[in-house]
C-alpha cells in the first residue's frame, strides 16, 4: 500500500515540524502495513494535532 502525497498531507507537515525516529519517518512516508503501524500512526497524528495547536497559539 503506497500513499500518494498531496499538499494538505498532515504527515508531510509533521515530518518538517520536528525530528523523528527512522521507524516513525518511514511510517509517515510509507503508510500503514498492519495493526501496529495503524496504532502508531494514530499516536503520531494526536501528537501532530497538539503541536499544530501550540504553534497556532504562538502565532497569534
C-alpha atoms as a PDB file:
ATOM      1  CA  UNK A   1       0.000   0.000   0.000  1.00  0.00           C
ATOM      2  CA  UNK A   2       1.546   3.254  -1.117  1.00  0.00           C
ATOM      3  CA  UNK A   3       0.225   6.641  -0.086  1.00  0.00           C
ATOM      4  CA  UNK A   4       0.292   9.457  -2.585  1.00  0.00           C
ATOM      5  CA  UNK A   5       1.326  12.803  -1.138  1.00  0.00           C
ATOM      6  CA  UNK A   6      -0.779  15.888  -1.558  1.00  0.00           C
ATOM      7  CA  UNK A   7      -0.277  19.467  -0.446  1.00  0.00           C
ATOM      8  CA  UNK A   8      -2.572  19.113   2.584  1.00  0.00           C
ATOM      9  CA  UNK A   9      -0.934  15.952   3.906  1.00  0.00           C
ATOM     10  CA  UNK A  10      -0.534  16.156   7.678  1.00  0.00           C
ATOM     11  CA  UNK A  11       2.258  13.570   7.507  1.00  0.00           C
ATOM     12  CA  UNK A  12       4.395  15.775   5.269  1.00  0.00           C
ATOM     13  CA  UNK A  13       3.763  18.767   7.525  1.00  0.00           C
ATOM     14  CA  UNK A  14       4.566  16.747  10.650  1.00  0.00           C
ATOM     15  CA  UNK A  15       7.863  15.491   9.194  1.00  0.00           C
ATOM     16  CA  UNK A  16       9.047  19.085   8.875  1.00  0.00           C
ATOM     17  CA  UNK A  17       7.872  20.127  12.371  1.00  0.00           C
ATOM     18  CA  UNK A  18      10.351  18.058  14.398  1.00  0.00           C
ATOM     19  CA  UNK A  19      12.881  15.258  14.143  1.00  0.00           C
ATOM     20  CA  UNK A  20      11.559  11.696  14.129  1.00  0.00           C
ATOM     21  CA  UNK A  21      12.970   8.241  14.687  1.00  0.00           C
ATOM     22  CA  UNK A  22      13.792   6.375  11.472  1.00  0.00           C
ATOM     23  CA  UNK A  23      10.871   3.989  12.018  1.00  0.00           C
ATOM     24  CA  UNK A  24       8.391   6.852  12.547  1.00  0.00           C
ATOM     25  CA  UNK A  25       9.687   8.718   9.478  1.00  0.00           C
ATOM     26  CA  UNK A  26       9.331   5.547   7.392  1.00  0.00           C
ATOM     27  CA  UNK A  27       5.772   5.088   8.662  1.00  0.00           C
ATOM     28  CA  UNK A  28       4.846   8.703   7.906  1.00  0.00           C
ATOM     29  CA  UNK A  29       6.268   8.463   4.366  1.00  0.00           C
ATOM     30  CA  UNK A  30       5.322   4.892   3.511  1.00  0.00           C
ATOM     31  CA  UNK A  31       1.983   4.326   5.160  1.00  0.00           C
ATOM     32  CA  UNK A  32       0.432   1.605   7.282  1.00  0.00           C
ATOM     33  CA  UNK A  33       1.240  -2.065   6.753  1.00  0.00           C
ATOM     34  CA  UNK A  34      -0.528  -3.589   9.749  1.00  0.00           C
ATOM     35  CA  UNK A  35      -2.391  -3.043  13.001  1.00  0.00           C
ATOM     36  CA  UNK A  36       0.726  -1.973  14.918  1.00  0.00           C
ATOM     37  CA  UNK A  37       1.508   0.653  12.254  1.00  0.00           C
ATOM     38  CA  UNK A  38      -2.085   1.930  12.341  1.00  0.00           C
ATOM     39  CA  UNK A  39      -1.918   2.344  16.116  1.00  0.00           C
ATOM     40  CA  UNK A  40       1.428   4.174  15.926  1.00  0.00           C
ATOM     41  CA  UNK A  41       0.185   6.453  13.127  1.00  0.00           C
ATOM     42  CA  UNK A  42      -2.802   7.364  15.302  1.00  0.00           C
ATOM     43  CA  UNK A  43      -0.458   8.284  18.159  1.00  0.00           C
ATOM     44  CA  UNK A  44       1.641  10.409  15.786  1.00  0.00           C
ATOM     45  CA  UNK A  45      -1.483  12.157  14.479  1.00  0.00           C
ATOM     46  CA  UNK A  46      -2.536  13.125  18.014  1.00  0.00           C
ATOM     47  CA  UNK A  47       0.966  14.495  18.631  1.00  0.00           C
ATOM     48  CA  UNK A  48       0.776  16.421  15.339  1.00  0.00           C
ATOM     49  CA  UNK A  49      -2.550  17.995  16.303  1.00  0.00           C
ATOM     50  CA  UNK A  50      -1.148  19.007  19.701  1.00  0.00           C
ATOM     51  CA  UNK A  51       1.948  20.608  18.165  1.00  0.00           C
ATOM     52  CA  UNK A  52      -0.091  22.325  15.444  1.00  0.00           C
ATOM     53  CA  UNK A  53      -2.454  23.818  18.041  1.00  0.00           C
ATOM     54  CA  UNK A  54       0.516  25.024  20.113  1.00  0.00           C
ATOM     55  CA  UNK A  55       2.133  26.513  17.005  1.00  0.00           C
ATOM     56  CA  UNK A  56      -1.076  28.373  16.055  1.00  0.00           C
ATOM     57  CA  UNK A  57      -1.422  29.795  19.564  1.00  0.00           C
ATOM     58  CA  UNK A  58       2.163  31.105  19.413  1.00  0.00           C
ATOM     59  CA  UNK A  59       1.492  32.748  16.042  1.00  0.00           C
ATOM     60  CA  UNK A  60      -1.405  34.800  17.464  1.00  0.00           C
END
